[in-house]
Amino acid sequence: MSLNCPKCKIQDSSKILYSGYNQHIELHFECTSHNKKDSKDLKPTLYKCLKCNLVYSEFINIEFSKNYKPVIDEEYIKQIDFKKKTFEIFVKQIKKHLNKDSEVLEIGSYYGVLGSLIKPLVKNYIGTELSIHAAKYARENFDLNIINDAPDEYLKRGNKFDLIIMTDVIEHLDDPFTVLKLLEKSLNENGIIIITTFNFDSLFSKIMGKNYPWILPFHKYYFSNSTIKKTLNDVNLNVVKIENDIRLISADYLIKKLNVMIGSLGFLWKFIDRISFIKKLTFRINLYDLKIYYCTKIEKDI
């Protein structure tokens, strides 16, 4: 079976890149899911467009956005202290774009960890989040202004921002091309958009092949440095800088993920679970596949 590329809209322009294990997958939408079937046994089929090289999932024609509203991610809440450490690194990387005059929008604010770090540094912070539970948690625990709305619906309101942040969101969107157009329209002339996602053309991704850990049922799009640049150029945005996105994770979270990926590590997690100080150990992860893209508007010729 062939699908039409969602970007090019050309019939029969794509080929199967990786065949999935099952075309009838029960989808889970928690971002920190340790579901073995989601992460290993039920990889989706991926297609690659022969014209624009975009890689996308077999689920491209299924609407995902409504499924994020009821999400309750208890595992993420347990890991919030470690998520905060990761976002502290991220904030240091983007800090020169944060100031007391900045109007900031975060698309996909989830449980508000990044927003809680940004809010004290800027004039105004707004987040949009589909998960009702995550939005409520962010309001109650971090006193953040979170709009419980889909990105495209909120962006149509016409508000303008100096900085728009979208971390690990673009790969989940039903229609990232429309959202990016709206982001460009919502950005002030000298503003900047910061997007994080995985580079599907990275060495780590190539080595892992169809077992790459970020091939998940709820990831619809798999951008490379070149395809994301082209996609952004199409909506009058230019990538001016790319940096590695470094993550910090706890020992128990790492073992859970490795157990899902390669199995046979359940005994190790049980051992770690008994010793509290080991569970609190932090690992710095940088496999050079997770990227931060800094984007500005392309200056139009007068």
Protein backbone atom coordinates (compact mmCIF):
# COMPACT_ATOMS: atom_id res chain seq x y z
CA MET A 1 0.00 0.00 0.00
CA SER A 2 1.20 3.54 -0.78
CA LEU A 3 0.07 6.80 0.81
CA ASN A 4 0.03 10.28 -0.63
CA CYS A 5 2.64 12.53 0.95
CA PRO A 6 0.82 14.90 3.36
CA LYS A 7 3.19 17.71 2.37
CA CYS A 8 3.55 17.27 -1.41
CA LYS A 9 0.00 15.95 -1.92
CA ILE A 10 1.27 13.91 -4.84
CA GLN A 11 -0.43 10.59 -5.49
CA ASP A 12 1.72 7.48 -5.08
CA SER A 13 4.80 9.59 -4.31
CA SER A 14 5.90 7.52 -1.31
CA LYS A 15 7.49 4.17 -0.60
CA ILE A 16 7.54 2.06 2.56
CA LEU A 17 10.66 2.88 4.54
CA TYR A 18 10.06 0.49 7.47
CA SER A 19 7.25 -2.05 7.68
CA GLY A 20 5.41 -2.01 10.98
CA TYR A 21 4.55 -5.01 13.10
CA ASN A 22 0.82 -4.42 13.07
CA GLN A 23 -1.44 -2.02 11.20
CA HIS A 24 -4.14 -2.23 13.87
CA ILE A 25 -2.34 -0.80 16.87
CA GLU A 26 -4.05 0.28 20.06
CA LEU A 27 -2.67 3.79 20.45
CA HIS A 28 -1.49 5.23 23.77
CA PHE A 29 -0.82 8.96 24.06
CA GLU A 30 1.07 9.37 27.35
CA CYS A 31 4.44 10.87 26.46
CA THR A 32 6.28 8.79 29.09
CA SER A 33 4.56 5.51 28.35
CA HIS A 34 6.62 2.40 29.18
CA ASN A 35 4.25 0.25 27.19
CA LYS A 36 6.40 -2.43 25.55
CA LYS A 37 3.94 -2.95 22.73
CA ASP A 38 4.01 0.75 21.83
CA SER A 39 7.78 1.03 22.00
CA LYS A 40 8.91 -2.27 20.51
CA ASP A 41 6.36 -4.84 19.42
CA LEU A 42 3.94 -2.55 17.56
CA LYS A 43 6.10 -0.14 15.59
CA PRO A 44 4.04 1.68 12.93
CA THR A 45 4.80 1.43 9.23
CA LEU A 46 6.77 4.46 8.05
CA TYR A 47 6.64 5.93 4.54
CA LYS A 48 9.14 8.17 2.79
CA CYS A 49 8.19 10.62 0.06
CA LEU A 50 10.41 10.19 -2.99
CA LYS A 51 9.97 13.86 -3.91
CA CYS A 52 10.48 15.81 -0.66
CA ASN A 53 12.03 13.02 1.52
CA LEU A 54 9.56 13.57 4.34
CA VAL A 55 9.06 10.46 6.52
CA TYR A 56 5.63 9.90 8.03
CA SER A 57 3.51 7.26 9.74
CA GLU A 58 0.77 4.98 8.48
CA PHE A 59 -1.55 6.88 10.86
CA ILE A 60 -1.24 10.10 8.89
CA ASN A 61 -4.96 10.19 8.09
CA ILE A 62 -6.13 9.49 11.65
CA GLU A 63 -6.92 12.50 13.85
CA PHE A 64 -4.83 12.34 17.02
CA SER A 65 -5.61 15.68 18.69
CA LYS A 66 -8.84 14.58 20.39
CA ASN A 67 -6.98 11.66 22.01
CA TYR A 68 -4.66 13.97 23.95
CA LYS A 69 -7.48 15.65 25.90
CA PRO A 70 -8.07 12.74 28.37
CA VAL A 71 -4.34 11.96 28.84
CA ILE A 72 -3.19 11.50 32.45
CA ASP A 73 0.56 10.90 32.58
CA GLU A 74 1.34 9.77 36.13
CA GLU A 75 4.85 8.63 35.15
CA TYR A 76 5.70 12.13 33.93
CA ILE A 77 4.54 13.59 37.25
CA LYS A 78 6.83 11.17 39.10
CA GLN A 79 9.73 12.36 36.94
CA ILE A 80 9.05 16.10 37.23
CA ASP A 81 12.20 16.80 39.29
CA PHE A 82 14.30 15.24 36.53
CA LYS A 83 12.29 16.96 33.80
CA LYS A 84 13.05 20.24 35.53
CA LYS A 85 16.79 19.52 35.43
CA THR A 86 16.59 18.84 31.69
CA PHE A 87 14.62 22.02 31.06
CA GLU A 88 17.10 24.02 33.14
CA ILE A 89 19.76 23.05 30.58
CA PHE A 90 17.39 24.01 27.78
CA VAL A 91 16.62 27.41 29.35
CA LYS A 92 20.35 28.13 29.64
CA GLN A 93 20.71 27.40 25.92
CA ILE A 94 17.89 29.74 24.91
CA LYS A 95 18.32 32.35 27.68
CA LYS A 96 19.55 35.13 25.40
CA HIS A 97 16.10 35.04 23.77
CA LEU A 98 14.33 35.56 27.11
CA ASN A 99 13.97 39.02 28.63
CA LYS A 100 11.58 41.14 30.64
CA ASP A 101 10.04 42.59 27.48
CA SER A 102 9.28 39.19 25.90
CA GLU A 103 5.80 37.94 25.10
CA VAL A 104 6.22 34.15 25.08
CA LEU A 105 3.97 31.35 23.81
CA GLU A 106 4.64 27.67 24.44
CA ILE A 107 2.81 25.18 22.22
CA GLY A 108 2.25 21.90 24.06
CA SER A 109 3.11 23.05 27.59
CA TYR A 110 2.13 19.67 29.10
CA TYR A 111 2.58 19.71 32.92
CA GLY A 112 4.13 23.19 32.95
CA VAL A 113 7.71 22.40 33.93
CA LEU A 114 9.33 24.48 31.19
CA GLY A 115 6.77 27.24 31.62
CA SER A 116 7.57 27.48 35.34
CA LEU A 117 11.21 28.21 34.48
CA ILE A 118 10.43 30.70 31.71
CA LYS A 119 7.68 32.73 33.40
CA PRO A 120 9.96 34.59 35.89
CA LEU A 121 12.30 35.64 33.06
CA VAL A 122 9.78 37.24 30.70
CA LYS A 123 7.03 39.86 30.54
CA ASN A 124 4.25 37.40 29.79
CA TYR A 125 3.97 33.62 29.32
CA ILE A 126 1.07 31.70 27.78
CA GLY A 127 0.92 27.95 27.19
CA THR A 128 -1.45 25.85 25.13
CA GLU A 129 -2.09 22.23 26.11
CA LEU A 130 -4.66 19.68 24.96
CA SER A 131 -4.47 17.38 28.00
CA ILE A 132 -7.06 18.63 30.49
CA HIS A 133 -5.21 16.96 33.38
CA ALA A 134 -1.81 18.42 32.42
CA ALA A 135 -3.21 21.92 31.91
CA LYS A 136 -4.97 21.81 35.29
CA TYR A 137 -1.79 20.56 36.99
CA ALA A 138 0.26 23.39 35.46
CA ARG A 139 -2.24 26.02 36.58
CA GLU A 140 -2.53 24.70 40.13
CA ASN A 141 1.12 23.82 40.77
CA PHE A 142 2.96 26.51 38.79
CA ASP A 143 0.36 29.30 38.51
CA LEU A 144 0.67 29.35 34.74
CA ASN A 145 -1.70 30.78 32.16
CA ILE A 146 -2.54 27.61 30.20
CA ILE A 147 -5.12 27.60 27.41
CA ASN A 148 -6.82 24.21 26.98
CA ASP A 149 -6.96 24.41 23.19
CA ALA A 150 -5.47 22.89 20.04
CA PRO A 151 -2.49 24.87 18.64
CA ASP A 152 -4.20 25.83 15.38
CA GLU A 153 -7.37 26.97 17.14
CA TYR A 154 -5.46 29.18 19.58
CA LEU A 155 -3.14 30.62 16.91
CA LYS A 156 -6.14 31.74 14.84
CA ARG A 157 -6.90 34.30 17.56
CA GLY A 158 -4.23 36.53 16.03
CA ASN A 159 -2.10 37.25 19.10
CA LYS A 160 1.56 38.17 18.47
CA PHE A 161 4.64 36.91 20.31
CA ASP A 162 8.36 37.62 20.49
CA LEU A 163 9.22 34.00 21.22
CA ILE A 164 7.30 30.83 20.43
CA ILE A 165 8.53 27.51 21.83
CA MET A 166 7.44 24.06 20.73
CA THR A 167 9.38 21.23 22.42
CA ASP A 168 8.83 17.66 21.22
CA VAL A 169 5.46 18.56 19.71
CA ILE A 170 5.82 18.87 15.93
CA GLU A 171 6.11 15.10 15.47
CA HIS A 172 2.70 14.63 17.17
CA LEU A 173 0.69 17.18 15.21
CA ASP A 174 -2.10 16.18 12.85
CA ASP A 175 -1.17 18.99 10.46
CA PRO A 176 2.21 20.58 11.32
CA PHE A 177 2.26 22.47 8.00
CA THR A 178 -0.82 24.52 8.89
CA VAL A 179 0.42 25.05 12.45
CA LEU A 180 3.79 26.33 11.18
CA LYS A 181 2.03 28.79 8.86
CA LEU A 182 0.03 30.08 11.83
CA LEU A 183 3.17 30.27 13.98
CA GLU A 184 4.84 32.48 11.36
CA LYS A 185 1.82 34.78 11.32
CA SER A 186 1.84 34.91 15.15
CA LEU A 187 5.52 35.88 15.37
CA ASN A 188 6.62 39.48 15.71
CA GLU A 189 8.98 40.71 12.98
CA ASN A 190 12.15 40.31 15.05
CA GLY A 191 10.87 37.30 16.98
CA ILE A 192 12.17 33.75 17.08
CA ILE A 193 10.58 30.29 17.06
CA ILE A 194 12.37 27.46 18.87
CA ILE A 195 11.43 23.90 17.96
CA THR A 196 12.83 20.65 19.34
CA THR A 197 12.44 17.24 17.77
CA PHE A 198 14.59 14.26 16.77
CA ASN A 199 16.70 14.30 13.61
CA PHE A 200 15.60 11.16 11.77
CA ASP A 201 18.69 11.36 9.57
CA SER A 202 21.07 11.18 12.55
CA LEU A 203 23.74 8.51 12.85
CA PHE A 204 21.99 6.98 15.86
CA SER A 205 18.72 6.72 13.94
CA LYS A 206 20.47 5.08 10.99
CA ILE A 207 22.25 2.57 13.22
CA MET A 208 19.03 1.62 15.03
CA GLY A 209 16.93 1.44 11.86
CA LYS A 210 13.34 0.33 12.50
CA ASN A 211 14.25 -0.14 16.19
CA TYR A 212 15.00 3.55 16.69
CA PRO A 213 13.35 4.32 20.06
CA TRP A 214 11.54 7.42 18.79
CA ILE A 215 9.56 5.41 16.25
CA LEU A 216 6.35 5.32 18.24
CA PRO A 217 2.66 4.96 17.32
CA PHE A 218 1.85 8.52 18.45
CA HIS A 219 4.65 10.09 16.37
CA LYS A 220 3.26 10.98 12.96
CA TYR A 221 6.20 12.88 11.42
CA TYR A 222 9.92 12.09 11.30
CA PHE A 223 11.87 15.16 10.22
CA SER A 224 15.54 15.36 9.29
CA ASN A 225 17.62 18.55 9.39
CA SER A 226 17.02 19.01 5.66
CA THR A 227 13.26 18.27 5.63
CA ILE A 228 12.52 20.51 8.59
CA LYS A 229 14.52 23.34 6.98
CA LYS A 230 12.57 22.94 3.74
CA THR A 231 9.24 22.73 5.58
CA LEU A 232 10.03 25.93 7.49
CA ASN A 233 11.24 27.73 4.37
CA ASP A 234 7.89 26.97 2.74
CA VAL A 235 6.17 29.08 5.41
CA ASN A 236 8.66 31.97 5.33
CA LEU A 237 10.80 30.73 8.22
CA ASN A 238 14.55 30.18 8.20
CA VAL A 239 16.59 27.91 10.48
CA VAL A 240 19.41 30.13 11.74
CA LYS A 241 20.98 27.71 14.22
CA ILE A 242 20.81 24.04 15.25
CA GLU A 243 21.99 22.76 18.64
CA ASN A 244 21.97 19.41 20.41
CA ASP A 245 19.14 18.94 22.89
CA ILE A 246 20.65 17.35 26.00
CA ARG A 247 18.46 15.34 28.39
CA LEU A 248 18.87 14.35 32.04
CA ILE A 249 17.03 11.25 33.23
CA SER A 250 16.88 9.22 36.43
CA ALA A 251 18.38 5.73 36.79
CA ASP A 252 15.02 4.02 37.27
CA TYR A 253 13.51 5.78 34.23
CA LEU A 254 16.51 4.80 32.11
CA ILE A 255 16.26 1.14 33.13
CA LYS A 256 12.52 1.10 32.40
CA LYS A 257 13.15 2.48 28.92
CA LEU A 258 16.00 0.05 28.23
CA ASN A 259 13.87 -2.84 29.43
CA VAL A 260 11.18 -1.83 26.93
CA MET A 261 13.74 -1.51 24.13
CA ILE A 262 15.85 -4.63 24.67
CA GLY A 263 14.04 -6.60 27.40
CA SER A 264 15.47 -8.82 30.16
CA LEU A 265 16.25 -5.91 32.49
CA GLY A 266 13.26 -6.27 34.79
CA PHE A 267 15.45 -7.76 37.51
CA LEU A 268 17.75 -4.72 37.41
CA TRP A 269 14.86 -2.29 37.78
CA LYS A 270 13.54 -4.26 40.78
CA PHE A 271 16.99 -4.03 42.37
CA ILE A 272 17.25 -0.29 41.74
CA ASP A 273 13.71 0.25 43.02
CA ARG A 274 14.77 -0.99 46.46
CA ILE A 275 17.66 1.48 46.82
CA SER A 276 16.48 5.08 46.92
CA PHE A 277 19.83 6.80 46.34
CA ILE A 278 20.41 4.84 43.11
CA LYS A 279 16.95 5.81 41.86
CA LYS A 280 17.95 9.46 42.29
CA LEU A 281 21.09 9.16 40.19
CA THR A 282 20.99 11.33 37.08
CA PHE A 283 22.31 10.40 33.66
CA ARG A 284 23.16 12.97 30.99
CA ILE A 285 21.97 11.71 27.60
CA ASN A 286 23.23 13.12 24.30
CA LEU A 287 23.17 10.79 21.29
CA TYR A 288 23.29 13.74 18.85
CA ASP A 289 19.86 12.92 17.44
CA LEU A 290 17.72 15.30 19.50
CA LYS A 291 17.94 18.82 18.09
CA ILE A 292 16.97 22.40 18.89
CA TYR A 293 16.04 24.48 15.82
CA TYR A 294 16.13 28.29 16.06
CA CYS A 295 13.94 29.89 13.39
CA THR A 296 13.33 33.47 12.29
CA LYS A 297 11.20 35.07 9.61
CA ILE A 298 12.74 35.32 6.15
CA GLU A 299 13.16 38.96 5.21
CA LYS A 300 11.01 39.82 2.22
CA ASP A 301 12.42 41.87 -0.64
CA ILE A 302 10.84 45.31 -0.85
